[in-house]
Amino acid sequence: MKDFFKGAGLLPEKLFCRKGFTLLEVLLSVTIFSLLLSALFMFYGGALQGWSRDSAAMDLQQNARIAVYEITRELRYASAVEGLSDRSILPLYDGEGGWQRGAGLIAYTSSGGQKSEIAYNEEKRTITLRIGNGPPNELANNVAGADFFYYFPQPVAGGSEPEGRCPMILFRLKVQGESQELAPGGSYILQSSLRLQNISFE
């Protein structure tokens, strides 16, 4: 058939002399394309992993901030606090022993007269709030540690002892995700102090 078309002069001679790609050229093209595609997927995978890590870290911090806000709101106007020993100084960090540890549970009487408690559950890694005889409501999860300190502010050097001193509560939360991939170190510490407005000691 090819000879027929060539002899009839219907098709140019050059059309039948053209060569296709060799097997080596095809393999080389596929290899280069595969390498480019692999590099693209590695870049995309790294970017996706970084976004996921940053998103998880933001969720963890936001979770802890909400817990700090709720604890502050609940305790600020408490009319009585139980279960905390008095301390004369703020907790300090000891390079050898680490952080001083405070109480893991604080019981208090709310401004409405209800007995309530804020507790840290080490097994479930949660902070819970129980109001009255109701069920414990979870304030935060992924909590690696919680410490409550009860103390009196120290008088200013050279000043007199203030009358009607209001005690203070300092609490520290350490939040840590289930995976260490969240960030270098994988944990965050949030600390806040508040003055008990409805309690004073002469």
N, C-alpha and C. Protein backbone atom coordinates (compact mmCIF):
# COMPACT_ATOMS: atom_id res chain seq x y z
N MET A 1 0.84 -1.20 0.00
CA MET A 1 0.00 0.00 0.00
C MET A 1 0.88 1.25 0.00
N LYS A 2 1.93 1.20 0.82
CA LYS A 2 2.83 2.34 0.88
C LYS A 2 3.49 2.57 -0.48
N ASP A 3 3.91 1.48 -1.13
CA ASP A 3 4.54 1.61 -2.44
C ASP A 3 3.57 2.16 -3.48
N PHE A 4 2.32 1.80 -3.34
CA PHE A 4 1.31 2.30 -4.27
C PHE A 4 1.20 3.82 -4.18
N PHE A 5 1.08 4.35 -2.94
CA PHE A 5 0.95 5.80 -2.76
C PHE A 5 2.21 6.53 -3.20
N LYS A 6 3.37 5.90 -2.91
CA LYS A 6 4.62 6.54 -3.32
C LYS A 6 4.75 6.58 -4.84
N GLY A 7 4.40 5.46 -5.47
CA GLY A 7 4.52 5.40 -6.93
C GLY A 7 3.54 6.31 -7.63
N ALA A 8 2.39 6.48 -7.01
CA ALA A 8 1.38 7.34 -7.64
C ALA A 8 1.69 8.82 -7.43
N GLY A 9 2.66 9.12 -6.60
CA GLY A 9 3.01 10.52 -6.33
C GLY A 9 1.97 11.26 -5.52
N LEU A 10 1.14 10.48 -4.80
CA LEU A 10 0.10 11.13 -3.99
C LEU A 10 0.64 11.64 -2.67
N LEU A 11 1.69 11.06 -2.17
CA LEU A 11 2.27 11.49 -0.90
C LEU A 11 3.74 11.79 -1.10
N PRO A 12 4.25 12.81 -0.40
CA PRO A 12 5.65 13.14 -0.57
C PRO A 12 6.55 12.04 -0.01
N GLU A 13 7.75 11.95 -0.60
CA GLU A 13 8.72 10.92 -0.21
C GLU A 13 9.17 11.10 1.24
N LYS A 14 9.28 12.36 1.71
CA LYS A 14 9.81 12.64 3.05
C LYS A 14 8.90 12.08 4.15
N LEU A 15 7.62 11.95 3.83
CA LEU A 15 6.69 11.46 4.85
C LEU A 15 7.02 10.05 5.28
N PHE A 16 7.55 9.28 4.39
CA PHE A 16 7.84 7.89 4.70
C PHE A 16 9.24 7.70 5.26
N CYS A 17 10.02 8.76 5.29
CA CYS A 17 11.39 8.67 5.82
C CYS A 17 11.50 9.19 7.25
N ARG A 18 10.44 9.74 7.83
CA ARG A 18 10.50 10.31 9.18
C ARG A 18 10.60 9.21 10.21
N LYS A 19 11.40 9.45 11.22
CA LYS A 19 11.58 8.47 12.30
C LYS A 19 10.82 8.93 13.54
N GLY A 20 10.35 8.00 14.39
CA GLY A 20 9.68 8.31 15.66
C GLY A 20 10.70 8.40 16.78
N PHE A 21 10.21 8.49 18.00
CA PHE A 21 11.09 8.53 19.18
C PHE A 21 11.68 7.16 19.41
N THR A 22 12.93 7.14 19.79
CA THR A 22 13.55 5.87 20.16
C THR A 22 13.13 5.51 21.59
N LEU A 23 13.34 4.25 21.93
CA LEU A 23 12.98 3.79 23.27
C LEU A 23 13.78 4.55 24.33
N LEU A 24 15.02 4.85 24.05
CA LEU A 24 15.86 5.59 24.99
C LEU A 24 15.31 6.99 25.24
N GLU A 25 14.85 7.66 24.20
CA GLU A 25 14.28 9.01 24.35
C GLU A 25 13.00 8.97 25.18
N VAL A 26 12.18 7.96 24.94
CA VAL A 26 10.93 7.83 25.71
C VAL A 26 11.23 7.60 27.18
N LEU A 27 12.17 6.70 27.46
CA LEU A 27 12.52 6.41 28.86
C LEU A 27 13.12 7.63 29.55
N LEU A 28 13.95 8.37 28.82
CA LEU A 28 14.55 9.57 29.39
C LEU A 28 13.49 10.62 29.70
N SER A 29 12.52 10.78 28.81
CA SER A 29 11.44 11.75 29.03
C SER A 29 10.59 11.37 30.23
N VAL A 30 10.26 10.07 30.32
CA VAL A 30 9.44 9.59 31.45
C VAL A 30 10.19 9.78 32.76
N THR A 31 11.49 9.51 32.76
CA THR A 31 12.29 9.66 33.99
C THR A 31 12.32 11.12 34.44
N ILE A 32 12.57 12.04 33.52
CA ILE A 32 12.61 13.47 33.87
C ILE A 32 11.25 13.93 34.38
N PHE A 33 10.19 13.50 33.71
CA PHE A 33 8.84 13.89 34.14
C PHE A 33 8.53 13.34 35.53
N SER A 34 8.96 12.09 35.80
CA SER A 34 8.73 11.48 37.11
C SER A 34 9.48 12.23 38.21
N LEU A 35 10.72 12.64 37.92
CA LEU A 35 11.49 13.39 38.92
C LEU A 35 10.85 14.74 39.23
N LEU A 36 10.38 15.42 38.19
CA LEU A 36 9.71 16.70 38.41
C LEU A 36 8.44 16.52 39.21
N LEU A 37 7.69 15.47 38.89
CA LEU A 37 6.43 15.21 39.60
C LEU A 37 6.69 14.86 41.06
N SER A 38 7.74 14.06 41.31
CA SER A 38 8.10 13.69 42.69
C SER A 38 8.49 14.92 43.50
N ALA A 39 9.28 15.81 42.90
CA ALA A 39 9.68 17.03 43.60
C ALA A 39 8.46 17.90 43.93
N LEU A 40 7.53 17.95 42.99
CA LEU A 40 6.32 18.74 43.22
C LEU A 40 5.49 18.17 44.36
N PHE A 41 5.35 16.85 44.41
CA PHE A 41 4.58 16.22 45.48
C PHE A 41 5.28 16.36 46.83
N MET A 42 6.62 16.30 46.84
CA MET A 42 7.35 16.48 48.10
C MET A 42 7.15 17.90 48.63
N PHE A 43 7.20 18.88 47.74
CA PHE A 43 6.98 20.27 48.15
C PHE A 43 5.56 20.45 48.68
N TYR A 44 4.59 19.88 47.99
CA TYR A 44 3.19 20.00 48.40
C TYR A 44 2.97 19.30 49.74
N GLY A 45 3.56 18.10 49.90
CA GLY A 45 3.41 17.37 51.16
C GLY A 45 4.01 18.11 52.34
N GLY A 46 5.19 18.73 52.13
CA GLY A 46 5.83 19.51 53.21
C GLY A 46 5.00 20.72 53.59
N ALA A 47 4.46 21.40 52.58
CA ALA A 47 3.62 22.57 52.86
C ALA A 47 2.36 22.16 53.60
N LEU A 48 1.76 21.05 53.21
CA LEU A 48 0.54 20.57 53.86
C LEU A 48 0.81 20.16 55.30
N GLN A 49 1.95 19.51 55.53
CA GLN A 49 2.31 19.10 56.89
C GLN A 49 2.57 20.32 57.78
N GLY A 50 3.25 21.33 57.23
CA GLY A 50 3.49 22.56 58.00
C GLY A 50 2.20 23.27 58.34
N TRP A 51 1.28 23.33 57.39
CA TRP A 51 -0.02 23.97 57.65
C TRP A 51 -0.78 23.21 58.73
N SER A 52 -0.75 21.88 58.65
CA SER A 52 -1.45 21.06 59.65
C SER A 52 -0.86 21.25 61.03
N ARG A 53 0.48 21.32 61.12
CA ARG A 53 1.15 21.52 62.41
C ARG A 53 0.81 22.88 63.00
N ASP A 54 0.86 23.93 62.17
CA ASP A 54 0.54 25.27 62.66
C ASP A 54 -0.92 25.38 63.09
N SER A 55 -1.81 24.73 62.34
CA SER A 55 -3.22 24.76 62.69
C SER A 55 -3.48 24.05 64.02
N ALA A 56 -2.81 22.91 64.23
CA ALA A 56 -2.96 22.17 65.48
C ALA A 56 -2.41 22.98 66.66
N ALA A 57 -1.29 23.67 66.44
CA ALA A 57 -0.71 24.49 67.51
C ALA A 57 -1.64 25.66 67.86
N MET A 58 -2.26 26.28 66.86
CA MET A 58 -3.19 27.38 67.13
C MET A 58 -4.42 26.89 67.89
N ASP A 59 -4.93 25.71 67.51
CA ASP A 59 -6.08 25.14 68.21
C ASP A 59 -5.73 24.85 69.67
N LEU A 60 -4.52 24.34 69.89
CA LEU A 60 -4.08 24.02 71.24
C LEU A 60 -3.99 25.28 72.10
N GLN A 61 -3.40 26.33 71.56
CA GLN A 61 -3.28 27.58 72.31
C GLN A 61 -4.64 28.22 72.56
N GLN A 62 -5.51 28.18 71.56
CA GLN A 62 -6.84 28.77 71.72
C GLN A 62 -7.63 28.02 72.78
N ASN A 63 -7.49 26.70 72.80
CA ASN A 63 -8.15 25.87 73.80
C ASN A 63 -7.70 26.27 75.20
N ALA A 64 -6.40 26.49 75.37
CA ALA A 64 -5.87 26.87 76.68
C ALA A 64 -6.32 28.28 77.06
N ARG A 65 -6.37 29.20 76.11
CA ARG A 65 -6.80 30.57 76.41
C ARG A 65 -8.26 30.59 76.88
N ILE A 66 -9.09 29.79 76.26
CA ILE A 66 -10.49 29.73 76.68
C ILE A 66 -10.58 29.22 78.11
N ALA A 67 -9.78 28.19 78.43
CA ALA A 67 -9.78 27.65 79.79
C ALA A 67 -9.32 28.70 80.80
N VAL A 68 -8.27 29.44 80.47
CA VAL A 68 -7.78 30.50 81.37
C VAL A 68 -8.85 31.55 81.59
N TYR A 69 -9.54 31.94 80.53
CA TYR A 69 -10.60 32.93 80.65
C TYR A 69 -11.73 32.43 81.55
N GLU A 70 -12.15 31.17 81.36
CA GLU A 70 -13.25 30.62 82.16
C GLU A 70 -12.85 30.49 83.63
N ILE A 71 -11.62 30.06 83.90
CA ILE A 71 -11.16 29.92 85.29
C ILE A 71 -11.13 31.29 85.96
N THR A 72 -10.60 32.28 85.26
CA THR A 72 -10.55 33.64 85.81
C THR A 72 -11.95 34.16 86.10
N ARG A 73 -12.86 33.95 85.18
CA ARG A 73 -14.23 34.44 85.35
C ARG A 73 -14.91 33.77 86.54
N GLU A 74 -14.65 32.48 86.73
CA GLU A 74 -15.29 31.74 87.82
C GLU A 74 -14.73 32.13 89.19
N LEU A 75 -13.41 32.32 89.27
CA LEU A 75 -12.78 32.50 90.58
C LEU A 75 -12.72 33.95 91.06
N ARG A 76 -12.78 34.89 90.15
CA ARG A 76 -12.55 36.29 90.55
C ARG A 76 -13.49 36.74 91.67
N TYR A 77 -14.75 36.36 91.60
CA TYR A 77 -15.72 36.84 92.59
C TYR A 77 -16.17 35.73 93.54
N ALA A 78 -15.32 34.72 93.73
CA ALA A 78 -15.64 33.66 94.69
C ALA A 78 -15.70 34.25 96.10
N SER A 79 -16.63 33.73 96.89
CA SER A 79 -16.78 34.24 98.26
C SER A 79 -16.00 33.40 99.26
N ALA A 80 -15.53 32.24 98.87
CA ALA A 80 -14.72 31.39 99.75
C ALA A 80 -13.91 30.43 98.88
N VAL A 81 -12.72 30.11 99.36
CA VAL A 81 -11.86 29.17 98.64
C VAL A 81 -11.37 28.14 99.63
N GLU A 82 -11.38 26.87 99.21
CA GLU A 82 -10.95 25.78 100.10
C GLU A 82 -9.89 24.93 99.41
N GLY A 83 -9.15 24.24 100.24
CA GLY A 83 -8.22 23.23 99.72
C GLY A 83 -6.88 23.76 99.25
N LEU A 84 -6.62 25.04 99.44
CA LEU A 84 -5.33 25.57 99.04
C LEU A 84 -4.59 26.06 100.28
N SER A 85 -3.34 25.69 100.40
CA SER A 85 -2.55 26.16 101.52
C SER A 85 -2.02 27.55 101.22
N ASP A 86 -1.91 28.37 102.26
CA ASP A 86 -1.41 29.74 102.07
C ASP A 86 0.07 29.71 101.70
N ARG A 87 0.44 30.58 100.82
CA ARG A 87 1.85 30.70 100.44
C ARG A 87 2.22 32.19 100.53
N SER A 88 3.42 32.43 100.97
CA SER A 88 3.82 33.83 101.14
C SER A 88 4.52 34.39 99.91
N ILE A 89 4.96 33.53 99.03
CA ILE A 89 5.66 34.02 97.83
C ILE A 89 5.07 33.36 96.60
N LEU A 90 5.31 33.99 95.48
CA LEU A 90 4.89 33.38 94.21
C LEU A 90 5.73 32.15 93.94
N PRO A 91 5.20 31.19 93.21
CA PRO A 91 6.02 30.02 92.85
C PRO A 91 7.15 30.44 91.92
N LEU A 92 8.27 29.85 92.14
CA LEU A 92 9.45 30.18 91.36
C LEU A 92 9.92 28.96 90.58
N TYR A 93 10.72 29.22 89.56
CA TYR A 93 11.29 28.12 88.79
C TYR A 93 12.67 27.79 89.34
N ASP A 94 12.85 26.53 89.70
CA ASP A 94 14.13 26.07 90.20
C ASP A 94 14.81 25.29 89.07
N GLY A 95 15.99 25.72 88.69
CA GLY A 95 16.67 25.08 87.58
C GLY A 95 16.93 23.60 87.80
N GLU A 96 17.06 23.18 89.06
CA GLU A 96 17.36 21.77 89.33
C GLU A 96 16.07 20.97 89.49
N GLY A 97 15.14 21.50 90.25
CA GLY A 97 13.92 20.74 90.52
C GLY A 97 12.77 21.04 89.59
N GLY A 98 12.90 22.06 88.76
CA GLY A 98 11.81 22.43 87.85
C GLY A 98 10.82 23.35 88.54
N TRP A 99 9.62 23.41 87.99
CA TRP A 99 8.58 24.28 88.54
C TRP A 99 8.10 23.76 89.89
N GLN A 100 7.81 24.70 90.80
CA GLN A 100 7.10 24.31 92.02
C GLN A 100 5.72 23.81 91.62
N ARG A 101 5.22 22.83 92.33
CA ARG A 101 3.92 22.29 92.03
C ARG A 101 2.89 22.84 93.00
N GLY A 102 1.73 23.20 92.46
CA GLY A 102 0.63 23.67 93.28
C GLY A 102 -0.47 22.62 93.36
N ALA A 103 -1.62 23.02 93.88
CA ALA A 103 -2.75 22.10 93.98
C ALA A 103 -3.33 21.83 92.59
N GLY A 104 -3.85 20.62 92.41
CA GLY A 104 -4.48 20.26 91.14
C GLY A 104 -5.98 20.43 91.16
N LEU A 105 -6.52 20.83 92.31
CA LEU A 105 -7.97 21.03 92.44
C LEU A 105 -8.22 22.24 93.33
N ILE A 106 -9.17 23.04 92.96
CA ILE A 106 -9.54 24.19 93.78
C ILE A 106 -11.06 24.18 93.97
N ALA A 107 -11.48 24.13 95.24
CA ALA A 107 -12.90 24.17 95.58
C ALA A 107 -13.23 25.58 96.06
N TYR A 108 -14.37 26.09 95.64
CA TYR A 108 -14.72 27.46 95.99
C TYR A 108 -16.24 27.61 96.04
N THR A 109 -16.65 28.69 96.69
CA THR A 109 -18.06 29.06 96.71
C THR A 109 -18.24 30.24 95.76
N SER A 110 -19.08 30.05 94.76
CA SER A 110 -19.27 31.09 93.76
C SER A 110 -20.02 32.27 94.34
N SER A 111 -20.06 33.36 93.61
CA SER A 111 -20.76 34.56 94.08
C SER A 111 -22.25 34.28 94.26
N GLY A 112 -22.77 33.27 93.58
CA GLY A 112 -24.19 32.88 93.73
C GLY A 112 -24.42 31.95 94.90
N GLY A 113 -23.36 31.58 95.63
CA GLY A 113 -23.51 30.73 96.81
C GLY A 113 -23.42 29.23 96.51
N GLN A 114 -23.07 28.84 95.32
CA GLN A 114 -22.96 27.43 94.98
C GLN A 114 -21.55 26.92 95.21
N LYS A 115 -21.48 25.71 95.77
CA LYS A 115 -20.18 25.06 95.94
C LYS A 115 -19.74 24.52 94.58
N SER A 116 -18.55 24.89 94.17
CA SER A 116 -18.06 24.49 92.86
C SER A 116 -16.60 24.09 92.98
N GLU A 117 -16.10 23.46 91.92
CA GLU A 117 -14.69 23.09 91.92
C GLU A 117 -14.15 23.05 90.49
N ILE A 118 -12.89 23.40 90.40
CA ILE A 118 -12.14 23.27 89.15
C ILE A 118 -11.05 22.26 89.42
N ALA A 119 -10.99 21.22 88.58
CA ALA A 119 -10.07 20.12 88.84
C ALA A 119 -9.31 19.73 87.58
N TYR A 120 -8.12 19.23 87.82
CA TYR A 120 -7.30 18.69 86.73
C TYR A 120 -7.33 17.18 86.80
N ASN A 121 -7.71 16.53 85.71
CA ASN A 121 -7.74 15.08 85.63
C ASN A 121 -6.52 14.63 84.83
N GLU A 122 -5.55 14.08 85.55
CA GLU A 122 -4.29 13.71 84.90
C GLU A 122 -4.48 12.56 83.92
N GLU A 123 -5.37 11.63 84.25
CA GLU A 123 -5.57 10.46 83.38
C GLU A 123 -6.21 10.86 82.05
N LYS A 124 -7.24 11.73 82.12
CA LYS A 124 -7.92 12.16 80.90
C LYS A 124 -7.29 13.40 80.27
N ARG A 125 -6.34 14.01 81.00
CA ARG A 125 -5.66 15.22 80.52
C ARG A 125 -6.66 16.34 80.23
N THR A 126 -7.54 16.58 81.20
CA THR A 126 -8.56 17.62 81.03
C THR A 126 -8.65 18.50 82.27
N ILE A 127 -9.17 19.71 82.07
CA ILE A 127 -9.56 20.60 83.16
C ILE A 127 -11.08 20.63 83.14
N THR A 128 -11.69 20.36 84.30
CA THR A 128 -13.15 20.33 84.37
C THR A 128 -13.67 21.32 85.40
N LEU A 129 -14.87 21.81 85.15
CA LEU A 129 -15.56 22.71 86.07
C LEU A 129 -16.85 22.04 86.49
N ARG A 130 -17.04 21.87 87.82
CA ARG A 130 -18.28 21.32 88.35
C ARG A 130 -18.96 22.40 89.18
N ILE A 131 -20.17 22.75 88.82
CA ILE A 131 -20.94 23.75 89.55
C ILE A 131 -22.03 23.04 90.34
N GLY A 132 -21.99 23.20 91.65
CA GLY A 132 -22.97 22.54 92.51
C GLY A 132 -22.86 21.03 92.39
N ASN A 133 -24.01 20.37 92.27
CA ASN A 133 -24.02 18.91 92.14
C ASN A 133 -24.09 18.46 90.68
N GLY A 134 -23.90 19.40 89.77
CA GLY A 134 -23.98 19.07 88.35
C GLY A 134 -22.79 18.25 87.87
N PRO A 135 -22.86 17.81 86.63
CA PRO A 135 -21.76 17.02 86.08
C PRO A 135 -20.56 17.92 85.78
N PRO A 136 -19.35 17.34 85.77
CA PRO A 136 -18.17 18.14 85.43
C PRO A 136 -18.18 18.49 83.94
N ASN A 137 -18.00 19.76 83.65
CA ASN A 137 -17.94 20.23 82.26
C ASN A 137 -16.48 20.47 81.89
N GLU A 138 -16.10 19.98 80.74
CA GLU A 138 -14.70 20.10 80.30
C GLU A 138 -14.41 21.50 79.81
N LEU A 139 -13.38 22.11 80.40
CA LEU A 139 -12.94 23.44 79.96
C LEU A 139 -11.82 23.35 78.94
N ALA A 140 -10.96 22.37 79.08
CA ALA A 140 -9.82 22.23 78.17
C ALA A 140 -9.37 20.78 78.13
N ASN A 141 -8.87 20.37 76.98
CA ASN A 141 -8.29 19.04 76.87
C ASN A 141 -6.82 19.17 76.48
N ASN A 142 -6.14 18.03 76.38
CA ASN A 142 -4.70 18.02 76.09
C ASN A 142 -3.90 18.82 77.13
N VAL A 143 -4.33 18.76 78.38
CA VAL A 143 -3.65 19.48 79.46
C VAL A 143 -2.62 18.54 80.09
N ALA A 144 -1.35 18.93 80.02
CA ALA A 144 -0.28 18.09 80.56
C ALA A 144 0.00 18.40 82.02
N GLY A 145 -0.52 19.53 82.53
CA GLY A 145 -0.30 19.87 83.93
C GLY A 145 -1.09 21.11 84.31
N ALA A 146 -1.52 21.17 85.57
CA ALA A 146 -2.24 22.34 86.07
C ALA A 146 -1.86 22.54 87.53
N ASP A 147 -1.55 23.77 87.89
CA ASP A 147 -1.15 24.10 89.26
C ASP A 147 -1.88 25.36 89.71
N PHE A 148 -2.47 25.28 90.92
CA PHE A 148 -3.15 26.43 91.53
C PHE A 148 -2.38 26.83 92.78
N PHE A 149 -2.07 28.12 92.90
CA PHE A 149 -1.35 28.64 94.06
C PHE A 149 -2.20 29.74 94.71
N TYR A 150 -2.21 29.74 96.03
CA TYR A 150 -2.97 30.71 96.82
C TYR A 150 -1.96 31.50 97.64
N TYR A 151 -1.95 32.81 97.51
CA TYR A 151 -0.92 33.58 98.22
C TYR A 151 -1.44 34.99 98.50
N PHE A 152 -0.73 35.67 99.37
CA PHE A 152 -1.02 37.06 99.68
C PHE A 152 0.05 37.95 99.06
N PRO A 153 -0.34 39.04 98.44
CA PRO A 153 0.67 39.93 97.88
C PRO A 153 1.54 40.52 98.98
N GLN A 154 2.80 40.63 98.73
CA GLN A 154 3.73 41.16 99.72
C GLN A 154 3.64 42.68 99.76
N PRO A 155 3.76 43.27 100.95
CA PRO A 155 3.74 44.74 101.03
C PRO A 155 4.95 45.34 100.34
N VAL A 156 4.78 46.55 99.88
CA VAL A 156 5.88 47.25 99.23
C VAL A 156 6.98 47.50 100.25
N ALA A 157 8.22 47.36 99.82
CA ALA A 157 9.36 47.56 100.72
C ALA A 157 9.29 48.93 101.37
N GLY A 158 9.36 48.95 102.68
CA GLY A 158 9.32 50.21 103.42
C GLY A 158 7.90 50.70 103.70
N GLY A 159 6.91 50.02 103.14
CA GLY A 159 5.52 50.44 103.34
C GLY A 159 4.88 49.66 104.48
N SER A 160 3.71 50.12 104.88
CA SER A 160 3.00 49.44 105.96
C SER A 160 2.15 48.31 105.39
N GLU A 161 1.76 47.42 106.25
CA GLU A 161 0.91 46.29 105.85
C GLU A 161 -0.45 46.83 105.45
N PRO A 162 -0.93 46.56 104.23
CA PRO A 162 -2.22 47.08 103.81
C PRO A 162 -3.37 46.44 104.58
N GLU A 163 -4.40 47.24 104.84
CA GLU A 163 -5.58 46.70 105.53
C GLU A 163 -6.50 46.04 104.51
N GLY A 164 -7.19 45.00 104.99
CA GLY A 164 -8.13 44.32 104.12
C GLY A 164 -7.46 43.72 102.90
N ARG A 165 -6.37 42.99 103.13
CA ARG A 165 -5.66 42.41 102.01
C ARG A 165 -6.51 41.38 101.29
N CYS A 166 -6.53 41.46 99.97
CA CYS A 166 -7.24 40.46 99.17
C CYS A 166 -6.24 39.38 98.75
N PRO A 167 -6.56 38.12 98.99
CA PRO A 167 -5.65 37.06 98.54
C PRO A 167 -5.65 36.95 97.03
N MET A 168 -4.62 36.32 96.54
CA MET A 168 -4.44 36.13 95.10
C MET A 168 -4.41 34.64 94.79
N ILE A 169 -4.80 34.32 93.58
CA ILE A 169 -4.64 32.96 93.07
C ILE A 169 -3.84 33.05 91.77
N LEU A 170 -2.81 32.25 91.71
CA LEU A 170 -2.05 32.13 90.48
C LEU A 170 -2.26 30.70 89.96
N PHE A 171 -2.58 30.58 88.70
CA PHE A 171 -2.72 29.24 88.14
C PHE A 171 -1.92 29.14 86.85
N ARG A 172 -1.42 27.95 86.63
CA ARG A 172 -0.56 27.70 85.48
C ARG A 172 -1.06 26.45 84.77
N LEU A 173 -1.25 26.57 83.47
CA LEU A 173 -1.67 25.43 82.66
C LEU A 173 -0.58 25.09 81.66
N LYS A 174 -0.30 23.83 81.55
CA LYS A 174 0.62 23.35 80.50
C LYS A 174 -0.19 22.49 79.55
N VAL A 175 -0.29 22.92 78.31
CA VAL A 175 -1.04 22.15 77.32
C VAL A 175 -0.06 21.52 76.35
N GLN A 176 -0.38 20.30 75.97
CA GLN A 176 0.50 19.56 75.08
C GLN A 176 -0.35 18.63 74.24
N GLY A 177 -0.13 18.66 72.93
CA GLY A 177 -0.89 17.82 72.03
C GLY A 177 -0.52 16.36 72.16
N GLU A 178 -1.35 15.51 71.55
CA GLU A 178 -1.08 14.08 71.58
C GLU A 178 0.19 13.76 70.81
N SER A 179 0.51 14.57 69.80
CA SER A 179 1.67 14.31 68.96
C SER A 179 2.73 15.38 69.18
N GLN A 180 3.97 14.97 69.16
CA GLN A 180 5.07 15.93 69.31
C GLN A 180 5.30 16.71 68.02
N GLU A 181 4.53 16.41 66.98
CA GLU A 181 4.72 17.09 65.70
C GLU A 181 4.13 18.49 65.69
N LEU A 182 3.49 18.89 66.80
CA LEU A 182 2.82 20.19 66.81
C LEU A 182 3.80 21.33 66.61
N ALA A 183 4.87 21.30 67.31
CA ALA A 183 5.85 22.38 67.24
C ALA A 183 7.09 21.91 67.97
N PRO A 184 8.20 22.62 67.79
CA PRO A 184 9.38 22.26 68.59
C PRO A 184 9.06 22.34 70.07
N GLY A 185 9.24 21.27 70.79
CA GLY A 185 8.88 21.23 72.21
C GLY A 185 7.49 20.67 72.40
N GLY A 186 6.57 21.01 71.52
CA GLY A 186 5.23 20.42 71.54
C GLY A 186 4.34 20.82 72.69
N SER A 187 4.71 21.82 73.49
CA SER A 187 3.86 22.20 74.63
C SER A 187 3.91 23.71 74.82
N TYR A 188 2.87 24.22 75.51
CA TYR A 188 2.77 25.65 75.79
C TYR A 188 2.34 25.82 77.24
N ILE A 189 2.89 26.83 77.90
CA ILE A 189 2.51 27.12 79.29
C ILE A 189 1.83 28.48 79.32
N LEU A 190 0.62 28.50 79.88
CA LEU A 190 -0.12 29.75 80.08
C LEU A 190 -0.27 29.96 81.57
N GLN A 191 -0.04 31.18 82.00
CA GLN A 191 -0.08 31.49 83.42
C GLN A 191 -0.84 32.79 83.63
N SER A 192 -1.64 32.83 84.68
CA SER A 192 -2.41 34.04 84.97
C SER A 192 -2.63 34.13 86.48
N SER A 193 -2.77 35.34 86.97
CA SER A 193 -3.07 35.54 88.39
C SER A 193 -4.28 36.45 88.51
N LEU A 194 -5.02 36.28 89.59
CA LEU A 194 -6.21 37.10 89.80
C LEU A 194 -6.39 37.39 91.27
N ARG A 195 -7.01 38.51 91.54
CA ARG A 195 -7.30 38.93 92.92
C ARG A 195 -8.71 38.49 93.27
N LEU A 196 -8.85 37.86 94.42
CA LEU A 196 -10.17 37.42 94.88
C LEU A 196 -10.90 38.65 95.45
N GLN A 197 -11.79 39.21 94.69
CA GLN A 197 -12.42 40.49 95.03
C GLN A 197 -13.32 40.42 96.27
N ASN A 198 -13.96 39.27 96.50
CA ASN A 198 -14.95 39.17 97.58
C ASN A 198 -14.39 38.58 98.87
N ILE A 199 -13.08 38.39 98.94
CA ILE A 199 -12.46 37.84 100.15
C ILE A 199 -11.38 38.80 100.59
N SER A 200 -11.41 39.15 101.85
CA SER A 200 -10.34 40.01 102.38
C SER A 200 -10.06 39.61 103.82
N PHE A 201 -8.83 39.88 104.27
CA PHE A 201 -8.40 39.55 105.62
C PHE A 201 -7.81 40.79 106.25
N GLU A 202 -8.28 41.09 107.44
CA GLU A 202 -7.78 42.27 108.14
C GLU A 202 -6.39 42.02 108.69
